[in-house]
N, C-alpha and C. Protein backbone atom coordinates (compact mmCIF):
# COMPACT_ATOMS: atom_id res chain seq x y z
N MET A 1 0.83 -1.18 0.00
CA MET A 1 0.00 0.00 0.00
C MET A 1 0.88 1.24 0.00
N ILE A 2 0.56 2.17 -0.87
CA ILE A 2 1.32 3.41 -0.99
C ILE A 2 0.91 4.35 0.13
N PRO A 3 1.87 4.94 0.85
CA PRO A 3 1.50 5.86 1.93
C PRO A 3 0.84 7.12 1.37
N PRO A 4 -0.02 7.74 2.16
CA PRO A 4 -0.72 8.93 1.67
C PRO A 4 0.19 10.15 1.61
N ALA A 5 -0.18 11.06 0.72
CA ALA A 5 0.43 12.39 0.69
C ALA A 5 -0.44 13.27 1.59
N VAL A 6 0.19 14.15 2.35
CA VAL A 6 -0.52 15.00 3.30
C VAL A 6 -0.51 16.43 2.78
N PHE A 7 -1.71 17.04 2.78
CA PHE A 7 -1.87 18.42 2.31
C PHE A 7 -2.56 19.24 3.39
N PRO A 8 -2.21 20.52 3.50
CA PRO A 8 -2.86 21.35 4.52
C PRO A 8 -4.19 21.93 4.03
N PHE A 9 -5.12 22.12 4.96
CA PHE A 9 -6.26 22.98 4.67
C PHE A 9 -5.70 24.39 4.56
N VAL A 10 -6.24 25.19 3.67
CA VAL A 10 -5.74 26.56 3.47
C VAL A 10 -6.89 27.55 3.64
N PRO A 11 -6.57 28.80 3.97
CA PRO A 11 -7.63 29.79 4.11
C PRO A 11 -8.44 29.90 2.82
N ARG A 12 -9.75 29.94 2.99
CA ARG A 12 -10.65 30.07 1.84
C ARG A 12 -10.42 31.44 1.20
N PRO A 13 -10.20 31.48 -0.12
CA PRO A 13 -10.06 32.78 -0.79
C PRO A 13 -11.31 33.62 -0.54
N GLY A 14 -11.12 34.83 -0.01
CA GLY A 14 -12.24 35.69 0.31
C GLY A 14 -13.03 35.20 1.50
N GLY A 15 -12.42 34.36 2.33
CA GLY A 15 -13.11 33.74 3.45
C GLY A 15 -13.31 34.66 4.64
N LEU A 16 -13.74 34.06 5.73
CA LEU A 16 -14.14 34.80 6.93
C LEU A 16 -13.05 34.88 7.98
N GLY A 17 -11.83 34.57 7.65
CA GLY A 17 -10.75 34.66 8.63
C GLY A 17 -9.97 33.38 8.75
N PRO A 18 -9.08 33.32 9.76
CA PRO A 18 -8.16 32.18 9.87
C PRO A 18 -8.83 30.83 10.10
N GLY A 19 -10.02 30.80 10.67
CA GLY A 19 -10.70 29.53 10.91
C GLY A 19 -11.47 29.02 9.70
N ASP A 20 -11.57 29.82 8.66
CA ASP A 20 -12.33 29.45 7.46
C ASP A 20 -11.36 28.84 6.45
N THR A 21 -11.11 27.54 6.60
CA THR A 21 -10.13 26.86 5.76
C THR A 21 -10.81 25.75 4.95
N VAL A 22 -10.19 25.41 3.83
CA VAL A 22 -10.75 24.43 2.92
C VAL A 22 -9.65 23.52 2.36
N PRO A 23 -10.04 22.33 1.86
CA PRO A 23 -9.06 21.43 1.25
C PRO A 23 -8.83 21.77 -0.22
N LEU A 24 -7.96 22.73 -0.47
CA LEU A 24 -7.59 23.07 -1.85
C LEU A 24 -6.40 22.23 -2.25
N LEU A 25 -6.42 21.77 -3.50
CA LEU A 25 -5.38 20.88 -4.00
C LEU A 25 -4.91 21.39 -5.36
N THR A 26 -3.60 21.41 -5.55
CA THR A 26 -3.04 21.76 -6.86
C THR A 26 -2.65 20.46 -7.55
N VAL A 27 -3.15 20.31 -8.78
CA VAL A 27 -2.94 19.10 -9.58
C VAL A 27 -2.35 19.51 -10.92
N ARG A 28 -1.36 18.75 -11.40
CA ARG A 28 -0.78 19.00 -12.72
C ARG A 28 -1.65 18.30 -13.76
N LEU A 29 -2.22 19.09 -14.67
CA LEU A 29 -3.11 18.58 -15.71
C LEU A 29 -2.41 18.65 -17.05
N SER A 30 -2.69 17.67 -17.93
CA SER A 30 -2.10 17.71 -19.26
C SER A 30 -2.98 16.99 -20.27
N THR A 31 -2.98 17.53 -21.47
CA THR A 31 -3.58 16.90 -22.63
C THR A 31 -3.17 17.70 -23.86
N ASN A 32 -3.11 17.06 -24.99
CA ASN A 32 -2.70 17.72 -26.25
C ASN A 32 -1.35 18.42 -26.14
N GLY A 33 -0.45 17.89 -25.31
CA GLY A 33 0.86 18.48 -25.15
C GLY A 33 0.89 19.74 -24.29
N VAL A 34 -0.24 20.12 -23.71
CA VAL A 34 -0.31 21.30 -22.85
C VAL A 34 -0.33 20.82 -21.40
N VAL A 35 0.54 21.41 -20.58
CA VAL A 35 0.65 21.03 -19.18
C VAL A 35 0.56 22.28 -18.32
N PHE A 36 -0.26 22.24 -17.29
CA PHE A 36 -0.30 23.35 -16.33
C PHE A 36 -0.89 22.86 -15.02
N ASP A 37 -0.70 23.64 -13.98
CA ASP A 37 -1.22 23.31 -12.66
C ASP A 37 -2.54 24.04 -12.44
N ALA A 38 -3.51 23.30 -11.91
CA ALA A 38 -4.81 23.88 -11.57
C ALA A 38 -5.09 23.59 -10.10
N THR A 39 -5.59 24.58 -9.41
CA THR A 39 -5.93 24.44 -7.99
C THR A 39 -7.44 24.43 -7.85
N GLY A 40 -7.93 23.43 -7.11
CA GLY A 40 -9.37 23.31 -6.92
C GLY A 40 -9.72 22.73 -5.57
N LEU A 41 -11.00 22.75 -5.29
CA LEU A 41 -11.53 22.25 -4.04
C LEU A 41 -11.75 20.74 -4.13
N VAL A 42 -11.26 19.99 -3.16
CA VAL A 42 -11.56 18.57 -3.05
C VAL A 42 -12.93 18.49 -2.39
N ASP A 43 -13.93 18.07 -3.16
CA ASP A 43 -15.33 18.25 -2.77
C ASP A 43 -16.09 16.94 -2.81
N THR A 44 -16.31 16.33 -1.64
CA THR A 44 -17.03 15.06 -1.58
C THR A 44 -18.48 15.20 -2.00
N GLY A 45 -19.02 16.40 -1.99
CA GLY A 45 -20.40 16.61 -2.39
C GLY A 45 -20.61 16.85 -3.86
N ALA A 46 -19.53 17.02 -4.60
CA ALA A 46 -19.62 17.27 -6.05
C ALA A 46 -19.74 15.94 -6.78
N THR A 47 -20.75 15.82 -7.62
CA THR A 47 -20.92 14.61 -8.40
C THR A 47 -19.78 14.44 -9.40
N PHE A 48 -19.38 15.55 -10.03
CA PHE A 48 -18.32 15.52 -11.03
C PHE A 48 -17.15 16.40 -10.63
N SER A 49 -15.98 16.08 -11.15
CA SER A 49 -14.88 17.03 -11.15
C SER A 49 -15.24 18.06 -12.22
N VAL A 50 -14.92 19.32 -11.97
CA VAL A 50 -15.38 20.40 -12.85
C VAL A 50 -14.22 21.31 -13.21
N LEU A 51 -14.21 21.75 -14.47
CA LEU A 51 -13.29 22.78 -14.94
C LEU A 51 -14.09 23.94 -15.52
N PRO A 52 -13.74 25.18 -15.17
CA PRO A 52 -14.38 26.32 -15.82
C PRO A 52 -13.93 26.42 -17.28
N LEU A 53 -14.67 27.17 -18.07
CA LEU A 53 -14.42 27.30 -19.50
C LEU A 53 -12.99 27.73 -19.81
N ASP A 54 -12.49 28.78 -19.15
CA ASP A 54 -11.16 29.29 -19.48
C ASP A 54 -10.05 28.31 -19.13
N VAL A 55 -10.22 27.52 -18.08
CA VAL A 55 -9.20 26.53 -17.71
C VAL A 55 -9.15 25.41 -18.76
N GLY A 56 -10.31 24.87 -19.12
CA GLY A 56 -10.34 23.82 -20.14
C GLY A 56 -9.86 24.30 -21.49
N ALA A 57 -10.13 25.57 -21.81
CA ALA A 57 -9.73 26.13 -23.11
C ALA A 57 -8.22 26.18 -23.26
N ARG A 58 -7.50 26.19 -22.15
CA ARG A 58 -6.03 26.22 -22.23
C ARG A 58 -5.46 24.99 -22.93
N PHE A 59 -6.25 23.92 -23.00
CA PHE A 59 -5.79 22.70 -23.66
C PHE A 59 -5.94 22.76 -25.17
N GLY A 60 -6.56 23.79 -25.69
CA GLY A 60 -6.74 23.91 -27.13
C GLY A 60 -7.84 23.02 -27.68
N VAL A 61 -8.72 22.55 -26.82
CA VAL A 61 -9.84 21.70 -27.23
C VAL A 61 -11.01 22.60 -27.62
N ASP A 62 -11.70 22.24 -28.69
CA ASP A 62 -12.88 22.97 -29.12
C ASP A 62 -14.09 22.42 -28.35
N TRP A 63 -14.66 23.24 -27.47
CA TRP A 63 -15.79 22.82 -26.63
C TRP A 63 -16.93 22.28 -27.49
N ASN A 64 -17.17 22.91 -28.63
CA ASN A 64 -18.28 22.54 -29.50
C ASN A 64 -18.09 21.18 -30.17
N ARG A 65 -16.87 20.68 -30.22
CA ARG A 65 -16.61 19.38 -30.87
C ARG A 65 -16.75 18.22 -29.90
N LEU A 66 -16.84 18.50 -28.61
CA LEU A 66 -17.04 17.43 -27.64
C LEU A 66 -18.51 17.02 -27.68
N THR A 67 -18.77 15.74 -27.69
CA THR A 67 -20.13 15.26 -27.94
C THR A 67 -20.84 14.71 -26.72
N ARG A 68 -20.18 14.64 -25.59
CA ARG A 68 -20.79 14.04 -24.40
C ARG A 68 -21.25 15.11 -23.42
N PRO A 69 -22.52 15.52 -23.48
CA PRO A 69 -23.01 16.55 -22.56
C PRO A 69 -23.20 16.00 -21.15
N LEU A 70 -23.02 16.88 -20.16
CA LEU A 70 -23.20 16.52 -18.76
C LEU A 70 -24.03 17.59 -18.06
N ALA A 71 -24.73 17.20 -17.01
CA ALA A 71 -25.41 18.14 -16.14
C ALA A 71 -24.59 18.23 -14.85
N ILE A 72 -24.04 19.40 -14.57
CA ILE A 72 -23.18 19.55 -13.39
C ILE A 72 -23.97 19.37 -12.11
N GLY A 73 -25.17 19.93 -12.05
CA GLY A 73 -26.00 19.82 -10.85
C GLY A 73 -25.69 20.93 -9.85
N GLY A 74 -26.35 20.88 -8.73
CA GLY A 74 -26.16 21.87 -7.67
C GLY A 74 -26.46 23.27 -8.14
N ALA A 75 -25.74 24.23 -7.59
CA ALA A 75 -25.94 25.64 -7.92
C ALA A 75 -25.64 25.93 -9.39
N PHE A 76 -24.86 25.08 -10.02
CA PHE A 76 -24.49 25.30 -11.42
C PHE A 76 -25.24 24.36 -12.36
N GLY A 77 -26.36 23.82 -11.91
CA GLY A 77 -27.16 22.88 -12.68
C GLY A 77 -27.50 23.33 -14.09
N PRO A 78 -27.88 24.60 -14.29
CA PRO A 78 -28.26 25.02 -15.64
C PRO A 78 -27.07 25.29 -16.57
N VAL A 79 -25.85 25.24 -16.05
CA VAL A 79 -24.67 25.52 -16.88
C VAL A 79 -24.36 24.29 -17.73
N PRO A 80 -24.32 24.44 -19.07
CA PRO A 80 -23.97 23.30 -19.92
C PRO A 80 -22.52 22.87 -19.69
N ALA A 81 -22.27 21.59 -19.80
CA ALA A 81 -20.92 21.05 -19.63
C ALA A 81 -20.74 19.88 -20.57
N ARG A 82 -19.47 19.60 -20.88
CA ARG A 82 -19.11 18.46 -21.73
C ARG A 82 -18.01 17.66 -21.03
N LEU A 83 -17.98 16.38 -21.31
CA LEU A 83 -16.98 15.50 -20.72
C LEU A 83 -15.62 15.76 -21.36
N LEU A 84 -14.62 16.02 -20.51
CA LEU A 84 -13.25 16.27 -20.98
C LEU A 84 -12.29 15.39 -20.19
N PRO A 85 -11.71 14.35 -20.81
CA PRO A 85 -10.71 13.54 -20.12
C PRO A 85 -9.35 14.24 -20.15
N VAL A 86 -8.65 14.20 -19.03
CA VAL A 86 -7.37 14.89 -18.88
C VAL A 86 -6.43 14.00 -18.06
N ASP A 87 -5.17 13.98 -18.43
CA ASP A 87 -4.17 13.29 -17.60
C ASP A 87 -3.85 14.18 -16.41
N ALA A 88 -3.71 13.57 -15.24
CA ALA A 88 -3.47 14.35 -14.03
C ALA A 88 -2.42 13.68 -13.14
N VAL A 89 -1.60 14.51 -12.53
CA VAL A 89 -0.63 14.04 -11.54
C VAL A 89 -1.01 14.72 -10.23
N VAL A 90 -1.30 13.88 -9.24
CA VAL A 90 -1.67 14.35 -7.91
C VAL A 90 -0.53 14.01 -6.97
N GLY A 91 0.07 15.04 -6.39
CA GLY A 91 1.16 14.81 -5.44
C GLY A 91 2.26 13.97 -6.06
N PRO A 92 2.77 12.99 -5.30
CA PRO A 92 3.88 12.16 -5.77
C PRO A 92 3.43 10.92 -6.54
N PHE A 93 2.14 10.81 -6.86
CA PHE A 93 1.60 9.57 -7.41
C PHE A 93 1.68 9.52 -8.93
N PRO A 94 1.64 8.32 -9.49
CA PRO A 94 1.67 8.18 -10.96
C PRO A 94 0.46 8.86 -11.59
N PRO A 95 0.58 9.26 -12.86
CA PRO A 95 -0.53 9.93 -13.56
C PRO A 95 -1.76 9.03 -13.64
N VAL A 96 -2.92 9.69 -13.63
CA VAL A 96 -4.21 9.01 -13.82
C VAL A 96 -5.01 9.82 -14.83
N LYS A 97 -6.01 9.19 -15.40
CA LYS A 97 -6.94 9.88 -16.30
C LYS A 97 -8.10 10.37 -15.44
N LEU A 98 -8.29 11.70 -15.39
CA LEU A 98 -9.43 12.26 -14.68
C LEU A 98 -10.45 12.75 -15.70
N LEU A 99 -11.70 12.56 -15.37
CA LEU A 99 -12.80 13.01 -16.22
C LEU A 99 -13.39 14.27 -15.60
N PHE A 100 -13.46 15.32 -16.39
CA PHE A 100 -14.00 16.59 -15.91
C PHE A 100 -15.26 16.95 -16.66
N ALA A 101 -16.18 17.59 -15.95
CA ALA A 101 -17.29 18.29 -16.58
C ALA A 101 -16.73 19.67 -16.91
N TRP A 102 -16.46 19.89 -18.20
CA TRP A 102 -15.90 21.17 -18.63
C TRP A 102 -17.09 22.09 -18.87
N ALA A 103 -17.23 23.07 -18.01
CA ALA A 103 -18.41 23.94 -18.02
C ALA A 103 -18.26 25.05 -19.05
N ARG A 104 -19.38 25.44 -19.59
CA ARG A 104 -19.40 26.55 -20.53
C ARG A 104 -19.63 27.86 -19.76
N SER A 105 -18.83 28.04 -18.72
CA SER A 105 -18.93 29.23 -17.87
C SER A 105 -17.65 29.35 -17.07
N ASN A 106 -17.26 30.58 -16.81
CA ASN A 106 -16.12 30.83 -15.92
C ASN A 106 -16.57 31.07 -14.49
N ALA A 107 -17.88 31.01 -14.24
CA ALA A 107 -18.40 31.24 -12.90
C ALA A 107 -18.28 30.01 -12.01
N VAL A 108 -17.98 28.86 -12.60
CA VAL A 108 -17.83 27.63 -11.80
C VAL A 108 -16.39 27.50 -11.33
N PRO A 109 -16.18 26.94 -10.15
CA PRO A 109 -14.81 26.72 -9.66
C PRO A 109 -14.24 25.40 -10.17
N VAL A 110 -12.93 25.24 -10.03
CA VAL A 110 -12.32 23.93 -10.25
C VAL A 110 -12.69 23.07 -9.05
N LEU A 111 -13.26 21.91 -9.34
CA LEU A 111 -13.65 20.96 -8.29
C LEU A 111 -13.07 19.59 -8.60
N PHE A 112 -12.69 18.88 -7.57
CA PHE A 112 -12.31 17.49 -7.68
C PHE A 112 -13.39 16.69 -6.96
N GLY A 113 -14.27 16.03 -7.74
CA GLY A 113 -15.47 15.41 -7.19
C GLY A 113 -15.51 13.90 -7.34
N GLN A 114 -16.70 13.36 -7.06
CA GLN A 114 -16.90 11.91 -7.04
C GLN A 114 -16.49 11.24 -8.35
N THR A 115 -16.90 11.81 -9.49
CA THR A 115 -16.53 11.25 -10.79
C THR A 115 -15.42 12.11 -11.35
N ASN A 116 -14.30 11.67 -11.53
CA ASN A 116 -13.85 10.38 -11.05
C ASN A 116 -12.67 10.50 -10.09
N PHE A 117 -12.50 11.69 -9.49
CA PHE A 117 -11.39 11.87 -8.56
C PHE A 117 -11.46 10.86 -7.41
N PHE A 118 -12.65 10.71 -6.82
CA PHE A 118 -12.78 9.80 -5.68
C PHE A 118 -12.83 8.34 -6.11
N ASP A 119 -12.90 8.07 -7.40
CA ASP A 119 -12.73 6.71 -7.90
C ASP A 119 -11.25 6.35 -7.98
N GLU A 120 -10.42 7.35 -8.23
CA GLU A 120 -8.98 7.13 -8.39
C GLU A 120 -8.20 7.25 -7.08
N PHE A 121 -8.74 8.02 -6.12
CA PHE A 121 -8.01 8.30 -4.89
C PHE A 121 -8.87 8.10 -3.66
N ASP A 122 -8.24 7.59 -2.61
CA ASP A 122 -8.85 7.57 -1.28
C ASP A 122 -8.45 8.87 -0.60
N VAL A 123 -9.40 9.51 0.03
CA VAL A 123 -9.15 10.80 0.67
C VAL A 123 -9.69 10.76 2.10
N CYS A 124 -8.89 11.24 3.03
CA CYS A 124 -9.33 11.36 4.43
C CYS A 124 -9.13 12.81 4.85
N PHE A 125 -10.18 13.37 5.43
CA PHE A 125 -10.12 14.76 5.91
C PHE A 125 -9.95 14.77 7.42
N PHE A 126 -9.02 15.59 7.88
CA PHE A 126 -8.78 15.78 9.30
C PHE A 126 -8.87 17.27 9.57
N ARG A 127 -10.10 17.77 9.57
CA ARG A 127 -10.34 19.22 9.65
C ARG A 127 -9.72 19.83 10.91
N ARG A 128 -9.91 19.17 12.03
CA ARG A 128 -9.39 19.71 13.28
C ARG A 128 -7.86 19.80 13.26
N ARG A 129 -7.21 18.85 12.59
CA ARG A 129 -5.75 18.88 12.45
C ARG A 129 -5.32 19.80 11.32
N GLY A 130 -6.29 20.24 10.49
CA GLY A 130 -5.98 21.15 9.40
C GLY A 130 -5.26 20.48 8.24
N GLU A 131 -5.58 19.21 7.99
CA GLU A 131 -4.92 18.51 6.89
C GLU A 131 -5.85 17.48 6.29
N PHE A 132 -5.49 17.08 5.06
CA PHE A 132 -6.18 15.96 4.41
C PHE A 132 -5.14 15.09 3.75
N HIS A 133 -5.47 13.80 3.65
CA HIS A 133 -4.55 12.80 3.11
C HIS A 133 -5.14 12.23 1.83
N ILE A 134 -4.29 12.02 0.85
CA ILE A 134 -4.70 11.42 -0.41
C ILE A 134 -3.74 10.31 -0.76
N GLN A 135 -4.30 9.19 -1.25
CA GLN A 135 -3.47 8.11 -1.77
C GLN A 135 -4.25 7.40 -2.86
N PRO A 136 -3.55 6.73 -3.77
CA PRO A 136 -4.25 5.98 -4.80
C PRO A 136 -5.26 5.02 -4.17
N ALA A 137 -6.42 4.91 -4.79
CA ALA A 137 -7.49 4.06 -4.26
C ALA A 137 -7.03 2.61 -4.21
N THR A 138 -7.44 1.94 -3.15
CA THR A 138 -7.13 0.53 -3.02
C THR A 138 -8.36 -0.28 -3.45
N PRO A 139 -8.14 -1.42 -4.07
CA PRO A 139 -9.28 -2.24 -4.51
C PRO A 139 -10.11 -2.73 -3.35
């Protein structure tokens, strides 16, 4: 079993002070020869991992040519989205293929959600300790 990588909870951008912290994670994303780091919320309540329009556009993919529509749900339910597979490196672990709902809006945040971030990784939150642990999912 691979030991977990440990990440700190960080102050929420625009938050209510030092006690308002969240599990933000920076992940190296790549596709079509384009590589960059994206920071998003590790969100157990999100059905899908989500990318805003401008972040997904950095890959040079034509949103209109993607044929798999998705419904993001929640507060962003009416925002159209398309399935975008991306290679991702999380912490020290080998690359995995993550599936994102690439939203046709910049109002949505980067989220790492149930599909398929939590299929690829086991995550434990230790809010009181101010940290969360991630490791490749075990069968």
